C-alpha atoms as a PDB file:
ATOM      1  CA  UNK A   1     121.829 -56.511  35.058  1.00  0.00           C
ATOM      2  CA  UNK A   2     120.346 -59.143  37.405  1.00  0.00           C
ATOM      3  CA  UNK A   3     117.801 -56.542  38.548  1.00  0.00           C
ATOM      4  CA  UNK A   4     116.882 -55.719  34.956  1.00  0.00           C
ATOM      5  CA  UNK A   5     116.591 -59.395  34.112  1.00  0.00           C
ATOM      6  CA  UNK A   6     114.301 -59.926  37.102  1.00  0.00           C
ATOM      7  CA  UNK A   7     112.184 -56.943  36.054  1.00  0.00           C
ATOM      8  CA  UNK A   8     111.893 -58.188  32.474  1.00  0.00           C
ATOM      9  CA  UNK A   9     111.025 -61.677  33.711  1.00  0.00           C
ATOM     10  CA  UNK A  10     108.337 -60.239  35.968  1.00  0.00           C
ATOM     11  CA  UNK A  11     106.832 -58.216  33.114  1.00  0.00           C
ATOM     12  CA  UNK A  12     106.814 -61.231  30.799  1.00  0.00           C
ATOM     13  CA  UNK A  13     105.177 -63.326  33.507  1.00  0.00           C
ATOM     14  CA  UNK A  14     102.449 -60.726  33.998  1.00  0.00           C
ATOM     15  CA  UNK A  15     101.917 -60.405  30.248  1.00  0.00           C
ATOM     16  CA  UNK A  16     101.633 -64.161  29.853  1.00  0.00           C
ATOM     17  CA  UNK A  17      99.236 -64.380  32.787  1.00  0.00           C
ATOM     18  CA  UNK A  18      97.111 -61.610  31.266  1.00  0.00           C
ATOM     19  CA  UNK A  19      97.061 -63.385  27.896  1.00  0.00           C
ATOM     20  CA  UNK A  20      96.025 -66.643  29.550  1.00  0.00           C
ATOM     21  CA  UNK A  21      93.210 -64.883  31.418  1.00  0.00           C
ATOM     22  CA  UNK A  22      92.147 -63.064  28.250  1.00  0.00           C
ATOM     23  CA  UNK A  23      92.111 -66.284  26.241  1.00  0.00           C
ATOM     24  CA  UNK A  24      90.250 -68.071  29.011  1.00  0.00           C
ATOM     25  CA  UNK A  25      87.653 -65.308  29.174  1.00  0.00           C
ATOM     26  CA  UNK A  26      87.251 -65.372  25.401  1.00  0.00           C
ATOM     27  CA  UNK A  27      86.753 -69.148  25.335  1.00  0.00           C
ATOM     28  CA  UNK A  28      84.292 -69.036  28.226  1.00  0.00           C
ATOM     29  CA  UNK A  29      82.371 -66.285  26.467  1.00  0.00           C
ATOM     30  CA  UNK A  30      82.250 -68.235  23.217  1.00  0.00           C
ATOM     31  CA  UNK A  31      81.112 -71.346  25.110  1.00  0.00           C
ATOM     32  CA  UNK A  32      78.321 -69.421  26.827  1.00  0.00           C
ATOM     33  CA  UNK A  33      77.322 -67.783  23.550  1.00  0.00           C
ATOM     34  CA  UNK A  34      77.213 -71.123  21.759  1.00  0.00           C
ATOM     35  CA  UNK A  35      75.231 -72.690  24.600  1.00  0.00           C
ATOM     36  CA  UNK A  36      72.779 -69.808  24.540  1.00  0.00           C
ATOM     37  CA  UNK A  37      72.356 -70.180  20.781  1.00  0.00           C
ATOM     38  CA  UNK A  38      71.876 -73.913  21.057  1.00  0.00           C
ATOM     39  CA  UNK A  39      69.233 -73.737  23.763  1.00  0.00           C
ATOM     40  CA  UNK A  40      67.045 -76.578  24.963  1.00  0.00           C
ATOM     41  CA  UNK A  41      65.040 -79.170  23.090  1.00  0.00           C
ATOM     42  CA  UNK A  42      61.374 -78.295  22.638  1.00  0.00           C
ATOM     43  CA  UNK A  43      60.401 -81.493  24.473  1.00  0.00           C
ATOM     44  CA  UNK A  44      61.923 -80.009  27.636  1.00  0.00           C
ATOM     45  CA  UNK A  45      59.148 -77.402  27.756  1.00  0.00           C
ATOM     46  CA  UNK A  46      55.664 -78.020  29.162  1.00  0.00           C
ATOM     47  CA  UNK A  47      54.023 -76.746  25.969  1.00  0.00           C
ATOM     48  CA  UNK A  48      55.421 -79.359  23.563  1.00  0.00           C
ATOM     49  CA  UNK A  49      52.599 -79.208  20.979  1.00  0.00           C
ATOM     50  CA  UNK A  50      51.487 -82.828  20.931  1.00  0.00           C
ATOM     51  CA  UNK A  51      49.095 -84.509  23.349  1.00  0.00           C
ATOM     52  CA  UNK A  52      48.107 -88.144  23.768  1.00  0.00           C
ATOM     53  CA  UNK A  53      44.611 -89.290  22.814  1.00  0.00           C
ATOM     54  CA  UNK A  54      42.858 -91.971  24.937  1.00  0.00           C
ATOM     55  CA  UNK A  55      44.096 -94.517  22.375  1.00  0.00           C
ATOM     56  CA  UNK A  56      47.684 -93.292  23.010  1.00  0.00           C
ATOM     57  CA  UNK A  57      48.143 -91.606  19.645  1.00  0.00           C
ATOM     58  CA  UNK A  58      49.926 -88.277  19.321  1.00  0.00           C
ATOM     59  CA  UNK A  59      47.720 -85.359  18.281  1.00  0.00           C
ATOM     60  CA  UNK A  60      48.824 -81.819  17.372  1.00  0.00           C
ATOM     61  CA  UNK A  61      47.822 -79.305  20.056  1.00  0.00           C
ATOM     62  CA  UNK A  62      47.121 -75.801  18.721  1.00  0.00           C
ATOM     63  CA  UNK A  63      46.711 -74.554  22.303  1.00  0.00           C
ATOM     64  CA  UNK A  64      50.229 -75.627  23.272  1.00  0.00           C
ATOM     65  CA  UNK A  65      51.608 -74.292  19.985  1.00  0.00           C
ATOM     66  CA  UNK A  66      50.137 -70.861  20.800  1.00  0.00           C
ATOM     67  CA  UNK A  67      51.708 -70.976  24.266  1.00  0.00           C
ATOM     68  CA  UNK A  68      55.094 -71.796  22.768  1.00  0.00           C
ATOM     69  CA  UNK A  69      54.765 -69.131  20.095  1.00  0.00           C
ATOM     70  CA  UNK A  70      54.155 -66.362  22.635  1.00  0.00           C
ATOM     71  CA  UNK A  71      56.801 -67.715  25.020  1.00  0.00           C
ATOM     72  CA  UNK A  72      59.577 -67.648  22.404  1.00  0.00           C
ATOM     73  CA  UNK A  73      58.652 -64.130  21.354  1.00  0.00           C
ATOM     74  CA  UNK A  74      59.187 -63.002  24.946  1.00  0.00           C
ATOM     75  CA  UNK A  75      62.140 -65.332  25.682  1.00  0.00           C
ATOM     76  CA  UNK A  76      64.945 -66.425  23.342  1.00  0.00           C
ATOM     77  CA  UNK A  77      65.745 -70.086  22.680  1.00  0.00           C
ATOM     78  CA  UNK A  78      66.846 -70.580  19.076  1.00  0.00           C
ATOM     79  CA  UNK A  79      66.876 -74.363  19.103  1.00  0.00           C
ATOM     80  CA  UNK A  80      63.466 -74.916  20.698  1.00  0.00           C
ATOM     81  CA  UNK A  81      61.803 -72.077  18.781  1.00  0.00           C
ATOM     82  CA  UNK A  82      62.969 -73.432  15.429  1.00  0.00           C
ATOM     83  CA  UNK A  83      61.723 -76.876  16.429  1.00  0.00           C
ATOM     84  CA  UNK A  84      58.340 -75.311  17.210  1.00  0.00           C
ATOM     85  CA  UNK A  85      58.275 -73.582  13.802  1.00  0.00           C
ATOM     86  CA  UNK A  86      59.279 -76.858  12.142  1.00  0.00           C
ATOM     87  CA  UNK A  87      56.321 -78.658  13.723  1.00  0.00           C
ATOM     88  CA  UNK A  88      53.979 -75.772  12.970  1.00  0.00           C
ATOM     89  CA  UNK A  89      54.882 -75.721   9.284  1.00  0.00           C
ATOM     90  CA  UNK A  90      54.430 -79.489   8.982  1.00  0.00           C
ATOM     91  CA  UNK A  91      50.947 -79.179  10.505  1.00  0.00           C
ATOM     92  CA  UNK A  92      49.845 -76.182   8.364  1.00  0.00           C
ATOM     93  CA  UNK A  93      49.489 -74.123  11.514  1.00  0.00           C
ATOM     94  CA  UNK A  94      48.947 -70.837   9.661  1.00  0.00           C
ATOM     95  CA  UNK A  95      45.594 -72.130   8.403  1.00  0.00           C
ATOM     96  CA  UNK A  96      44.571 -72.821  11.997  1.00  0.00           C
ATOM     97  CA  UNK A  97      45.545 -69.432  13.385  1.00  0.00           C
ATOM     98  CA  UNK A  98      43.341 -66.346  13.200  1.00  0.00           C
ATOM     99  CA  UNK A  99      44.421 -63.106  11.512  1.00  0.00           C
ATOM    100  CA  UNK A 100      45.927 -61.565  14.644  1.00  0.00           C
ATOM    101  CA  UNK A 101      47.774 -64.736  15.646  1.00  0.00           C
ATOM    102  CA  UNK A 102      48.950 -65.146  12.055  1.00  0.00           C
ATOM    103  CA  UNK A 103      50.775 -61.831  12.424  1.00  0.00           C
ATOM    104  CA  UNK A 104      52.226 -63.050  15.712  1.00  0.00           C
ATOM    105  CA  UNK A 105      53.455 -66.169  13.937  1.00  0.00           C
ATOM    106  CA  UNK A 106      55.075 -63.974  11.265  1.00  0.00           C
ATOM    107  CA  UNK A 107      56.977 -62.179  14.042  1.00  0.00           C
ATOM    108  CA  UNK A 108      58.160 -65.559  15.352  1.00  0.00           C
ATOM    109  CA  UNK A 109      59.356 -66.545  11.869  1.00  0.00           C
ATOM    110  CA  UNK A 110      61.221 -63.278  11.496  1.00  0.00           C
ATOM    111  CA  UNK A 111      62.868 -63.506  14.918  1.00  0.00           C
ATOM    112  CA  UNK A 112      64.197 -67.045  14.341  1.00  0.00           C
ATOM    113  CA  UNK A 113      64.746 -66.982  10.542  1.00  0.00           C
ATOM    114  CA  UNK A 114      62.125 -69.704  10.176  1.00  0.00           C
ATOM    115  CA  UNK A 115      60.903 -69.103   6.622  1.00  0.00           C
ATOM    116  CA  UNK A 116      62.708 -72.081   5.060  1.00  0.00           C
ATOM    117  CA  UNK A 117      62.956 -74.473   7.998  1.00  0.00           C
ATOM    118  CA  UNK A 118      60.708 -77.221   6.629  1.00  0.00           C
ATOM    119  CA  UNK A 119      61.801 -76.998   2.984  1.00  0.00           C
ATOM    120  CA  UNK A 120      64.436 -79.738   3.151  1.00  0.00           C
ATOM    121  CA  UNK A 121      62.733 -82.136   5.581  1.00  0.00           C
ATOM    122  CA  UNK A 122      61.784 -84.640   2.902  1.00  0.00           C
ATOM    123  CA  UNK A 123      65.257 -84.568   1.357  1.00  0.00           C
ATOM    124  CA  UNK A 124      66.926 -85.039   4.754  1.00  0.00           C
ATOM    125  CA  UNK A 125      64.956 -88.216   5.494  1.00  0.00           C
ATOM    126  CA  UNK A 126      65.201 -89.671   1.985  1.00  0.00           C
ATOM    127  CA  UNK A 127      68.309 -91.754   2.668  1.00  0.00           C
ATOM    128  CA  UNK A 128      66.757 -93.135   5.863  1.00  0.00           C
ATOM    129  CA  UNK A 129      63.659 -94.149   3.909  1.00  0.00           C
ATOM    130  CA  UNK A 130      65.883 -96.041   1.497  1.00  0.00           C
ATOM    131  CA  UNK A 131      67.609 -97.797   4.421  1.00  0.00           C
ATOM    132  CA  UNK A 132      64.265 -98.898   5.872  1.00  0.00           C
ATOM    133  CA  UNK A 133      62.989-100.077   2.498  1.00  0.00           C
ATOM    134  CA  UNK A 134      66.067-102.223   1.811  1.00  0.00           C
ATOM    135  CA  UNK A 135      66.266-103.702   5.318  1.00  0.00           C
ATOM    136  CA  UNK A 136      62.543-104.525   5.255  1.00  0.00           C
ATOM    137  CA  UNK A 137      62.777-106.252   1.876  1.00  0.00           C
ATOM    138  CA  UNK A 138      65.697-108.340   3.149  1.00  0.00           C
ATOM    139  CA  UNK A 139      63.275-110.232   5.450  1.00  0.00           C
ATOM    140  CA  UNK A 140      60.078-110.809   3.419  1.00  0.00           C
ATOM    141  CA  UNK A 141      57.032-112.657   4.805  1.00  0.00           C
ATOM    142  CA  UNK A 142      58.677-113.224   8.189  1.00  0.00           C
ATOM    143  CA  UNK A 143      56.571-111.015  10.471  1.00  0.00           C
ATOM    144  CA  UNK A 144      59.302-108.344  10.526  1.00  0.00           C
ATOM    145  CA  UNK A 145      58.182-104.761   9.882  1.00  0.00           C
ATOM    146  CA  UNK A 146      60.574-101.856   9.218  1.00  0.00           C
ATOM    147  CA  UNK A 147      59.358 -98.282   8.941  1.00  0.00           C
ATOM    148  CA  UNK A 148      60.350 -94.618   9.079  1.00  0.00           C
ATOM    149  CA  UNK A 149      58.582 -92.022  11.203  1.00  0.00           C
ATOM    150  CA  UNK A 150      58.881 -88.335  10.297  1.00  0.00           C
ATOM    151  CA  UNK A 151      58.474 -86.853  13.774  1.00  0.00           C
ATOM    152  CA  UNK A 152      58.106 -83.331  12.467  1.00  0.00           C
ATOM    153  CA  UNK A 153      54.513 -84.375  11.796  1.00  0.00           C
ATOM    154  CA  UNK A 154      53.485 -87.154  14.228  1.00  0.00           C
ATOM    155  CA  UNK A 155      49.851 -87.088  13.095  1.00  0.00           C
ATOM    156  CA  UNK A 156      50.958 -88.333   9.614  1.00  0.00           C
ATOM    157  CA  UNK A 157      54.414 -89.581  10.519  1.00  0.00           C
ATOM    158  CA  UNK A 158      54.822 -92.858   8.597  1.00  0.00           C
ATOM    159  CA  UNK A 159      56.634 -92.048   5.353  1.00  0.00           C
ATOM    160  CA  UNK A 160      57.958 -95.544   4.543  1.00  0.00           C
ATOM    161  CA  UNK A 161      56.859 -98.990   5.703  1.00  0.00           C
ATOM    162  CA  UNK A 162      57.834-102.503   4.622  1.00  0.00           C
ATOM    163  CA  UNK A 163      55.715-105.513   5.686  1.00  0.00           C
ATOM    164  CA  UNK A 164      53.046-103.183   7.019  1.00  0.00           C
ATOM    165  CA  UNK A 165      50.616-106.078   7.389  1.00  0.00           C
ATOM    166  CA  UNK A 166      52.387-106.852  10.682  1.00  0.00           C
ATOM    167  CA  UNK A 167      50.731-103.868  12.390  1.00  0.00           C
ATOM    168  CA  UNK A 168      48.138-102.965   9.767  1.00  0.00           C
ATOM    169  CA  UNK A 169      49.598 -99.498   9.182  1.00  0.00           C
ATOM    170  CA  UNK A 170      50.253 -97.691   5.893  1.00  0.00           C
ATOM    171  CA  UNK A 171      52.109 -94.585   4.723  1.00  0.00           C
ATOM    172  CA  UNK A 172      50.435 -91.433   6.033  1.00  0.00           C
ATOM    173  CA  UNK A 173      49.279 -92.846   9.357  1.00  0.00           C
ATOM    174  CA  UNK A 174      50.391 -91.218  12.585  1.00  0.00           C
ATOM    175  CA  UNK A 175      52.545 -92.305  15.452  1.00  0.00           C
ATOM    176  CA  UNK A 176      51.574 -93.251  18.981  1.00  0.00           C
ATOM    177  CA  UNK A 177      52.994 -91.670  22.113  1.00  0.00           C
ATOM    178  CA  UNK A 178      55.805 -94.234  21.970  1.00  0.00           C
ATOM    179  CA  UNK A 179      57.710 -91.939  19.647  1.00  0.00           C
ATOM    180  CA  UNK A 180      56.955 -88.813  21.636  1.00  0.00           C
ATOM    181  CA  UNK A 181      58.471 -90.790  24.508  1.00  0.00           C
ATOM    182  CA  UNK A 182      61.479 -91.460  22.277  1.00  0.00           C
ATOM    183  CA  UNK A 183      62.251 -87.748  22.112  1.00  0.00           C
ATOM    184  CA  UNK A 184      62.349 -87.545  25.883  1.00  0.00           C
ATOM    185  CA  UNK A 185      64.501 -90.693  26.155  1.00  0.00           C
ATOM    186  CA  UNK A 186      67.068 -89.227  23.776  1.00  0.00           C
ATOM    187  CA  UNK A 187      67.432 -86.243  26.080  1.00  0.00           C
ATOM    188  CA  UNK A 188      68.027 -88.706  28.938  1.00  0.00           C
ATOM    189  CA  UNK A 189      70.453 -90.759  26.777  1.00  0.00           C
ATOM    190  CA  UNK A 190      68.262 -93.865  27.052  1.00  0.00           C
ATOM    191  CA  UNK A 191      68.070 -96.341  24.150  1.00  0.00           C
ATOM    192  CA  UNK A 192      64.820 -97.996  23.040  1.00  0.00           C
ATOM    193  CA  UNK A 193      66.475-101.308  22.191  1.00  0.00           C
ATOM    194  CA  UNK A 194      64.938-104.789  22.136  1.00  0.00           C
ATOM    195  CA  UNK A 195      61.792-103.962  24.099  1.00  0.00           C
ATOM    196  CA  UNK A 196      58.490-105.851  24.303  1.00  0.00           C
ATOM    197  CA  UNK A 197      55.049-104.455  23.538  1.00  0.00           C
ATOM    198  CA  UNK A 198      51.830-106.216  24.550  1.00  0.00           C
ATOM    199  CA  UNK A 199      48.674-104.772  22.954  1.00  0.00           C
ATOM    200  CA  UNK A 200      45.606-106.859  23.770  1.00  0.00           C
ATOM    201  CA  UNK A 201      46.467-110.352  22.547  1.00  0.00           C
ATOM    202  CA  UNK A 202      49.314-109.101  20.315  1.00  0.00           C
ATOM    203  CA  UNK A 203      52.996-109.241  21.355  1.00  0.00           C
ATOM    204  CA  UNK A 204      55.936-107.566  19.621  1.00  0.00           C
ATOM    205  CA  UNK A 205      59.717-107.381  19.970  1.00  0.00           C
ATOM    206  CA  UNK A 206      60.798-103.873  18.928  1.00  0.00           C
ATOM    207  CA  UNK A 207      63.752-101.551  18.498  1.00  0.00           C
ATOM    208  CA  UNK A 208      63.399 -97.835  17.792  1.00  0.00           C
ATOM    209  CA  UNK A 209      66.410 -95.901  16.481  1.00  0.00           C
ATOM    210  CA  UNK A 210      66.192 -92.082  16.651  1.00  0.00           C
ATOM    211  CA  UNK A 211      67.150 -89.946  13.656  1.00  0.00           C
ATOM    212  CA  UNK A 212      68.872 -86.836  14.958  1.00  0.00           C
ATOM    213  CA  UNK A 213      69.359 -83.485  13.294  1.00  0.00           C
ATOM    214  CA  UNK A 214      71.722 -80.934  14.783  1.00  0.00           C
ATOM    215  CA  UNK A 215      69.375 -77.938  14.800  1.00  0.00           C
ATOM    216  CA  UNK A 216      66.111 -79.723  15.552  1.00  0.00           C
ATOM    217  CA  UNK A 217      66.953 -82.677  17.796  1.00  0.00           C
ATOM    218  CA  UNK A 218      64.965 -85.848  17.044  1.00  0.00           C
ATOM    219  CA  UNK A 219      63.262 -85.484  13.654  1.00  0.00           C
ATOM    220  CA  UNK A 220      62.482 -89.110  12.879  1.00  0.00           C
ATOM    221  CA  UNK A 221      62.956 -92.747  13.799  1.00  0.00           C
ATOM    222  CA  UNK A 222      63.664 -96.106  12.211  1.00  0.00           C
ATOM    223  CA  UNK A 223      61.489 -98.784  13.810  1.00  0.00           C
ATOM    224  CA  UNK A 224      61.838-102.567  13.641  1.00  0.00           C
ATOM    225  CA  UNK A 225      58.819-104.536  14.883  1.00  0.00           C
ATOM    226  CA  UNK A 226      58.807-108.355  15.070  1.00  0.00           C
ATOM    227  CA  UNK A 227      55.522-110.229  15.544  1.00  0.00           C
ATOM    228  CA  UNK A 228      56.427-112.622  18.379  1.00  0.00           C
ATOM    229  CA  UNK A 229      53.086-114.446  18.383  1.00  0.00           C
ATOM    230  CA  UNK A 230      53.333-115.186  14.663  1.00  0.00           C
ATOM    231  CA  UNK A 231      56.668-116.941  15.201  1.00  0.00           C
ATOM    232  CA  UNK A 232      55.597-118.741  18.403  1.00  0.00           C
ATOM    233  CA  UNK A 233      52.029-119.676  17.412  1.00  0.00           C
ATOM    234  CA  UNK A 234      52.242-120.123  13.665  1.00  0.00           C
ATOM    235  CA  UNK A 235      55.856-120.939  12.717  1.00  0.00           C
ATOM    236  CA  UNK A 236      57.398-122.988  15.531  1.00  0.00           C
ATOM    237  CA  UNK A 237      54.621-125.648  15.873  1.00  0.00           C
ATOM    238  CA  UNK A 238      54.761-126.523  12.163  1.00  0.00           C
ATOM    239  CA  UNK A 239      57.804-128.137  10.482  1.00  0.00           C
ATOM    240  CA  UNK A 240      56.515-126.860   7.142  1.00  0.00           C
ATOM    241  CA  UNK A 241      56.204-123.273   8.429  1.00  0.00           C
ATOM    242  CA  UNK A 242      59.656-123.485  10.023  1.00  0.00           C
ATOM    243  CA  UNK A 243      61.093-124.588   6.684  1.00  0.00           C
ATOM    244  CA  UNK A 244      59.248-121.774   4.875  1.00  0.00           C
ATOM    245  CA  UNK A 245      60.428-119.221   7.458  1.00  0.00           C
ATOM    246  CA  UNK A 246      64.066-120.129   7.048  1.00  0.00           C
ATOM    247  CA  UNK A 247      63.769-120.382   3.288  1.00  0.00           C
ATOM    248  CA  UNK A 248      62.668-116.744   3.348  1.00  0.00           C
ATOM    249  CA  UNK A 249      65.489-115.984   5.786  1.00  0.00           C
ATOM    250  CA  UNK A 250      68.110-117.475   3.429  1.00  0.00           C
ATOM    251  CA  UNK A 251      66.546-116.322   0.167  1.00  0.00           C
ATOM    252  CA  UNK A 252      68.626-114.020  -2.037  1.00  0.00           C
ATOM    253  CA  UNK A 253      67.805-112.100  -5.207  1.00  0.00           C
ATOM    254  CA  UNK A 254      71.292-111.851  -6.758  1.00  0.00           C
ATOM    255  CA  UNK A 255      74.883-113.068  -6.443  1.00  0.00           C
ATOM    256  CA  UNK A 256      77.916-110.763  -6.229  1.00  0.00           C
ATOM    257  CA  UNK A 257      81.669-111.327  -6.129  1.00  0.00           C
ATOM    258  CA  UNK A 258      82.682-109.364  -3.008  1.00  0.00           C
ATOM    259  CA  UNK A 259      84.637-110.061   0.190  1.00  0.00           C
ATOM    260  CA  UNK A 260      83.140-109.003   3.534  1.00  0.00           C
ATOM    261  CA  UNK A 261      85.477-111.150   5.713  1.00  0.00           C
ATOM    262  CA  UNK A 262      88.566-110.153   7.643  1.00  0.00           C
ATOM    263  CA  UNK A 263      91.862-111.542   6.346  1.00  0.00           C
ATOM    264  CA  UNK A 264      91.885-114.300   8.970  1.00  0.00           C
ATOM    265  CA  UNK A 265      88.278-115.281   8.329  1.00  0.00           C
ATOM    266  CA  UNK A 266      88.880-115.215   4.576  1.00  0.00           C
ATOM    267  CA  UNK A 267      91.749-117.691   4.972  1.00  0.00           C
ATOM    268  CA  UNK A 268      89.591-119.954   7.161  1.00  0.00           C
ATOM    269  CA  UNK A 269      86.737-119.805   4.641  1.00  0.00           C
ATOM    270  CA  UNK A 270      89.068-120.835   1.822  1.00  0.00           C
ATOM    271  CA  UNK A 271      90.276-123.682   4.069  1.00  0.00           C
ATOM    272  CA  UNK A 272      86.701-124.936   4.566  1.00  0.00           C
ATOM    273  CA  UNK A 273      85.152-123.016   7.509  1.00  0.00           C
ATOM    274  CA  UNK A 274      81.398-122.819   6.796  1.00  0.00           C
ATOM    275  CA  UNK A 275      80.007-120.407   9.404  1.00  0.00           C
ATOM    276  CA  UNK A 276      81.059-118.186  12.307  1.00  0.00           C
ATOM    277  CA  UNK A 277      80.520-120.991  14.847  1.00  0.00           C
ATOM    278  CA  UNK A 278      82.221-123.708  12.821  1.00  0.00           C
ATOM    279  CA  UNK A 279      84.895-124.208  15.501  1.00  0.00           C
ATOM    280  CA  UNK A 280      85.852-127.682  14.302  1.00  0.00           C
ATOM    281  CA  UNK A 281      86.980-126.343  10.931  1.00  0.00           C
ATOM    282  CA  UNK A 282      88.759-123.471  12.652  1.00  0.00           C
ATOM    283  CA  UNK A 283      90.778-125.840  14.859  1.00  0.00           C
ATOM    284  CA  UNK A 284      91.680-127.989  11.880  1.00  0.00           C
END
C-alpha cells in the first residue's frame, strides 16, 4: 500500500506539473499573439507620413505614406497599419494615388480590415470637443485659449477652439510639429505639462493633454494656452485691468443648489469658513 500510494502521488505530481507547463505555455502563447496583434505605434517607424515645414507646421507626406503602405503589405503590424490607413483616409489619399497605387491601397485595406476605420472619428472626439468648449467659456476674455486637435488630420486638425484670438487660429487650421512631438512623448511616457513657448515677442504657458484611442494610439489633444505677456504687460500694471480680469475670473452665468465639498469641509463652510486657505475660521 505505501508503494502504491507513492506511485499514485508521483503520477499526480507529474500530471500537475504537466498541467502547469501546459497552462504556462498557453498563456505565453496568448501573450505573444496579443502583442503581435497590437504591434507598434506608427510614430515608431521612420515613414510616419507627416513632415515639418520650415515654419514648423506638420504637412502630410504622400512619399512616406507610400513607403508605409508597401511596408505593411510585406510585413504585418495591425496597430501601425490601421493608424496609417486612418491618416490616409482623413487626408483623402486615394485621390492622390495613381491607378496602380490605388489598387495597392485596396490590398492594404483588405489585409487590415480598414474600410470603416475613419467612420467614427468625429463621434469619438465629440465629447472632448464639448469639454474644451465648456472649459474655454469658463474663462472668457482672460487670454486663456482651449482647443481640440484631431491628430488624424494634422493639416486641418483644429476642430474646436475657444478664445482663438489668443493665437489667431480658427477651426480648420492645422497643427505645428508640437503635436507630432506629443505622439512621440506619449510613447516615452512624458507629459507636456506647464511648459513655456516663446515665439518671437510672444510668450505662452501651455499644457497639452493627449487623447488616446486603444487601436490607434494618440488621435487628438486638448490644449490650454495662456498668453503670459497679456497678463504681465496689460493686466498687472493697471488696477482697472486687474479688477476686470478677476471680475471675469469670478463671473458666473447661473446658480445651482449642489454640494461639492467633503463632509468636513461642508461642516466648516456652514460654520463660517470662506475659502480653502481660511485657516483662522478652521481653527475657530
